[in-house]
């Protein structure tokens, strides 16, 4: 099975430089990724707070929505090597 690559791996090992193919710097890409993480986290919290009232039992679709957003957050964090300190 192949190892998932991060943006840092692509730059270091493959010679990929975002500035050469587009007008966006690595810092800008990382900042945009942090914005997406915060947006997805806010949407996830909204789903949780709006739908999880006792004695309410969440529907499977709501659990799926939350898990999809959390998976996207994990993928973005991994690909862009974003730490918890950078999210603050």
N, C-alpha and C. Protein backbone atom coordinates (compact mmCIF):
# COMPACT_ATOMS: atom_id res chain seq x y z
N UNK A 1 0.84 -1.17 0.00
CA UNK A 1 0.00 0.00 0.00
C UNK A 1 0.89 1.24 0.00
N UNK A 2 0.52 2.23 -0.78
CA UNK A 2 1.35 3.43 -0.87
C UNK A 2 1.03 4.41 0.26
N UNK A 3 2.05 5.11 0.65
CA UNK A 3 1.93 6.12 1.72
C UNK A 3 1.28 7.38 1.15
N UNK A 4 0.35 7.96 1.88
CA UNK A 4 -0.23 9.23 1.46
C UNK A 4 0.82 10.32 1.52
N UNK A 5 0.86 11.14 0.51
CA UNK A 5 1.83 12.23 0.48
C UNK A 5 1.21 13.51 1.01
N UNK A 6 2.05 14.31 1.63
CA UNK A 6 1.62 15.63 2.08
C UNK A 6 2.20 16.66 1.11
N UNK A 7 1.78 17.89 1.24
CA UNK A 7 2.30 18.95 0.39
C UNK A 7 3.80 19.10 0.59
N UNK A 8 4.26 18.96 1.83
CA UNK A 8 5.70 19.04 2.12
C UNK A 8 6.46 17.92 1.42
N UNK A 9 5.90 16.70 1.40
CA UNK A 9 6.54 15.58 0.70
C UNK A 9 6.67 15.87 -0.80
N UNK A 10 5.62 16.42 -1.37
CA UNK A 10 5.65 16.73 -2.80
C UNK A 10 6.72 17.76 -3.12
N UNK A 11 6.86 18.75 -2.26
CA UNK A 11 7.85 19.79 -2.49
C UNK A 11 9.26 19.24 -2.31
N UNK A 12 9.48 18.47 -1.25
CA UNK A 12 10.82 17.96 -0.95
C UNK A 12 11.26 16.86 -1.90
N UNK A 13 10.39 15.88 -2.16
CA UNK A 13 10.80 14.69 -2.91
C UNK A 13 10.51 14.77 -4.40
N UNK A 14 9.43 15.40 -4.77
CA UNK A 14 9.03 15.42 -6.17
C UNK A 14 9.46 16.70 -6.89
N UNK A 15 9.91 17.70 -6.13
CA UNK A 15 10.31 18.95 -6.73
C UNK A 15 9.16 19.85 -7.11
N UNK A 16 7.99 19.58 -6.57
CA UNK A 16 6.81 20.40 -6.87
C UNK A 16 6.92 21.74 -6.16
N UNK A 17 6.74 22.81 -6.92
CA UNK A 17 6.77 24.15 -6.35
C UNK A 17 5.48 24.85 -6.80
N UNK A 18 4.56 25.13 -5.85
CA UNK A 18 3.29 25.74 -6.24
C UNK A 18 3.44 27.05 -7.00
N UNK A 19 4.47 27.84 -6.67
CA UNK A 19 4.64 29.14 -7.31
C UNK A 19 4.95 29.02 -8.80
N UNK A 20 5.52 27.86 -9.23
CA UNK A 20 5.87 27.69 -10.64
C UNK A 20 4.64 27.41 -11.50
N UNK A 21 3.64 26.76 -10.96
CA UNK A 21 2.48 26.40 -11.77
C UNK A 21 1.30 27.34 -11.58
N UNK A 22 1.33 28.11 -10.52
CA UNK A 22 0.24 29.05 -10.29
C UNK A 22 0.75 30.23 -9.46
N UNK A 23 -0.07 31.22 -9.32
CA UNK A 23 0.39 32.44 -8.65
C UNK A 23 0.08 32.43 -7.15
N UNK A 24 0.01 31.25 -6.56
CA UNK A 24 -0.32 31.12 -5.14
C UNK A 24 0.90 30.58 -4.40
N UNK A 25 1.24 31.22 -3.30
CA UNK A 25 2.39 30.75 -2.52
C UNK A 25 1.95 29.65 -1.55
N UNK A 26 2.91 28.93 -1.04
CA UNK A 26 2.65 27.86 -0.08
C UNK A 26 1.99 28.41 1.18
N UNK A 27 2.39 29.59 1.60
CA UNK A 27 1.80 30.23 2.78
C UNK A 27 0.34 30.55 2.54
N UNK A 28 0.03 31.05 1.34
CA UNK A 28 -1.36 31.36 1.01
C UNK A 28 -2.22 30.09 0.98
N UNK A 29 -1.66 29.01 0.42
CA UNK A 29 -2.38 27.75 0.40
C UNK A 29 -2.69 27.25 1.80
N UNK A 30 -1.71 27.36 2.68
CA UNK A 30 -1.89 26.90 4.05
C UNK A 30 -2.92 27.76 4.78
N UNK A 31 -2.90 29.06 4.57
CA UNK A 31 -3.88 29.95 5.19
C UNK A 31 -5.30 29.63 4.70
N UNK A 32 -5.43 29.36 3.43
CA UNK A 32 -6.74 29.00 2.88
C UNK A 32 -7.21 27.66 3.47
N UNK A 33 -6.30 26.72 3.63
CA UNK A 33 -6.66 25.43 4.24
C UNK A 33 -7.14 25.62 5.68
N UNK A 34 -6.50 26.50 6.42
CA UNK A 34 -6.91 26.78 7.80
C UNK A 34 -8.31 27.39 7.82
N UNK A 35 -8.61 28.26 6.85
CA UNK A 35 -9.96 28.84 6.75
C UNK A 35 -11.00 27.74 6.52
N UNK A 36 -10.67 26.79 5.63
CA UNK A 36 -11.60 25.69 5.34
C UNK A 36 -11.81 24.82 6.56
N UNK A 37 -10.75 24.55 7.29
CA UNK A 37 -10.88 23.74 8.51
C UNK A 37 -11.82 24.42 9.50
N UNK A 38 -11.62 25.71 9.70
CA UNK A 38 -12.47 26.44 10.65
C UNK A 38 -13.92 26.46 10.18
N UNK A 39 -14.15 26.64 8.88
CA UNK A 39 -15.50 26.63 8.34
C UNK A 39 -16.17 25.27 8.56
N UNK A 40 -15.46 24.20 8.22
CA UNK A 40 -16.01 22.85 8.40
C UNK A 40 -16.27 22.55 9.88
N UNK A 41 -15.39 23.00 10.75
CA UNK A 41 -15.57 22.77 12.19
C UNK A 41 -16.80 23.52 12.69
N UNK A 42 -17.00 24.74 12.23
CA UNK A 42 -18.19 25.51 12.62
C UNK A 42 -19.47 24.84 12.13
N UNK A 43 -19.46 24.35 10.89
CA UNK A 43 -20.64 23.65 10.35
C UNK A 43 -20.94 22.39 11.16
N UNK A 44 -19.89 21.67 11.54
CA UNK A 44 -20.07 20.45 12.33
C UNK A 44 -20.67 20.78 13.68
N UNK A 45 -20.18 21.83 14.33
CA UNK A 45 -20.72 22.23 15.63
C UNK A 45 -22.17 22.69 15.51
N UNK A 46 -22.50 23.35 14.40
CA UNK A 46 -23.87 23.79 14.18
C UNK A 46 -24.81 22.59 14.06
N UNK A 47 -24.40 21.57 13.31
CA UNK A 47 -25.23 20.37 13.15
C UNK A 47 -25.44 19.72 14.52
N UNK A 48 -24.36 19.64 15.29
CA UNK A 48 -24.46 19.01 16.61
C UNK A 48 -25.39 19.79 17.53
N UNK A 49 -25.24 21.10 17.60
CA UNK A 49 -26.03 21.88 18.55
C UNK A 49 -27.48 22.02 18.11
N UNK A 50 -27.74 22.06 16.82
CA UNK A 50 -29.12 22.21 16.34
C UNK A 50 -29.92 20.92 16.43
N UNK A 51 -29.26 19.79 16.36
CA UNK A 51 -29.99 18.53 16.24
C UNK A 51 -29.88 17.60 17.44
N UNK A 52 -28.97 17.83 18.34
CA UNK A 52 -28.75 16.89 19.42
C UNK A 52 -29.36 17.39 20.72
N UNK A 53 -30.65 17.38 20.79
CA UNK A 53 -31.34 17.77 22.01
C UNK A 53 -31.93 16.52 22.66
N UNK A 54 -31.80 16.42 23.95
CA UNK A 54 -32.39 15.28 24.65
C UNK A 54 -33.90 15.44 24.64
N UNK A 55 -34.67 14.46 24.49
CA UNK A 55 -34.38 13.04 24.25
C UNK A 55 -34.24 12.71 22.76
N UNK A 56 -33.81 13.68 21.99
CA UNK A 56 -33.70 13.52 20.53
C UNK A 56 -32.64 12.48 20.18
N UNK A 57 -32.97 11.59 19.27
CA UNK A 57 -32.02 10.61 18.76
C UNK A 57 -31.59 11.07 17.36
N UNK A 58 -30.31 11.38 17.16
CA UNK A 58 -29.87 11.86 15.84
C UNK A 58 -30.15 10.84 14.74
N UNK A 59 -30.49 11.36 13.59
CA UNK A 59 -30.74 10.50 12.44
C UNK A 59 -29.42 10.05 11.85
N UNK A 60 -29.42 8.91 11.15
CA UNK A 60 -28.17 8.46 10.51
C UNK A 60 -27.57 9.48 9.56
N UNK A 61 -28.44 10.23 8.85
CA UNK A 61 -27.92 11.23 7.91
C UNK A 61 -27.11 12.32 8.63
N UNK A 62 -27.54 12.65 9.84
CA UNK A 62 -26.84 13.68 10.61
C UNK A 62 -25.47 13.18 11.06
N UNK A 63 -25.42 11.92 11.48
CA UNK A 63 -24.12 11.34 11.85
C UNK A 63 -23.20 11.29 10.64
N UNK A 64 -23.76 10.95 9.48
CA UNK A 64 -22.95 10.87 8.26
C UNK A 64 -22.40 12.25 7.91
N UNK A 65 -23.24 13.28 8.01
CA UNK A 65 -22.77 14.64 7.72
C UNK A 65 -21.61 15.03 8.62
N UNK A 66 -21.73 14.72 9.89
CA UNK A 66 -20.67 15.06 10.84
C UNK A 66 -19.39 14.29 10.51
N UNK A 67 -19.51 13.00 10.26
CA UNK A 67 -18.33 12.19 9.96
C UNK A 67 -17.66 12.64 8.66
N UNK A 68 -18.44 13.03 7.67
CA UNK A 68 -17.86 13.51 6.42
C UNK A 68 -17.05 14.78 6.65
N UNK A 69 -17.59 15.68 7.42
CA UNK A 69 -16.87 16.93 7.70
C UNK A 69 -15.61 16.67 8.52
N UNK A 70 -15.70 15.79 9.50
CA UNK A 70 -14.51 15.47 10.31
C UNK A 70 -13.44 14.78 9.47
N UNK A 71 -13.84 13.95 8.53
CA UNK A 71 -12.87 13.30 7.63
C UNK A 71 -12.17 14.32 6.74
N UNK A 72 -12.93 15.29 6.24
CA UNK A 72 -12.33 16.35 5.42
C UNK A 72 -11.33 17.16 6.23
N UNK A 73 -11.69 17.48 7.47
CA UNK A 73 -10.79 18.23 8.34
C UNK A 73 -9.50 17.45 8.55
N UNK A 74 -9.59 16.16 8.84
CA UNK A 74 -8.39 15.33 9.05
C UNK A 74 -7.52 15.29 7.80
N UNK A 75 -8.15 15.16 6.63
CA UNK A 75 -7.38 15.10 5.40
C UNK A 75 -6.65 16.42 5.15
N UNK A 76 -7.34 17.53 5.32
CA UNK A 76 -6.71 18.84 5.10
C UNK A 76 -5.56 19.04 6.07
N UNK A 77 -5.76 18.70 7.34
CA UNK A 77 -4.69 18.84 8.34
C UNK A 77 -3.48 18.01 7.94
N UNK A 78 -3.72 16.78 7.50
CA UNK A 78 -2.61 15.90 7.13
C UNK A 78 -1.88 16.42 5.89
N UNK A 79 -2.62 16.76 4.85
CA UNK A 79 -2.00 17.18 3.59
C UNK A 79 -1.17 18.44 3.74
N UNK A 80 -1.68 19.41 4.49
CA UNK A 80 -0.98 20.68 4.64
C UNK A 80 -0.11 20.74 5.89
N UNK A 81 0.00 19.63 6.62
CA UNK A 81 0.81 19.58 7.85
C UNK A 81 0.44 20.70 8.81
N UNK A 82 -0.85 20.82 9.08
CA UNK A 82 -1.35 21.87 9.96
C UNK A 82 -1.44 21.34 11.37
N UNK A 83 -0.85 22.08 12.29
CA UNK A 83 -0.86 21.70 13.70
C UNK A 83 -1.99 22.42 14.43
N UNK A 84 -2.26 21.99 15.64
CA UNK A 84 -3.31 22.62 16.44
C UNK A 84 -2.95 24.06 16.78
N UNK A 85 -1.66 24.35 16.95
CA UNK A 85 -1.23 25.72 17.24
C UNK A 85 -1.56 26.65 16.08
N UNK A 86 -1.43 26.16 14.86
CA UNK A 86 -1.72 26.99 13.69
C UNK A 86 -3.21 27.27 13.54
N UNK A 87 -4.04 26.42 14.11
CA UNK A 87 -5.49 26.60 14.01
C UNK A 87 -6.01 27.65 14.99
N UNK A 88 -5.21 28.05 15.95
CA UNK A 88 -5.66 29.04 16.94
C UNK A 88 -5.52 30.44 16.42
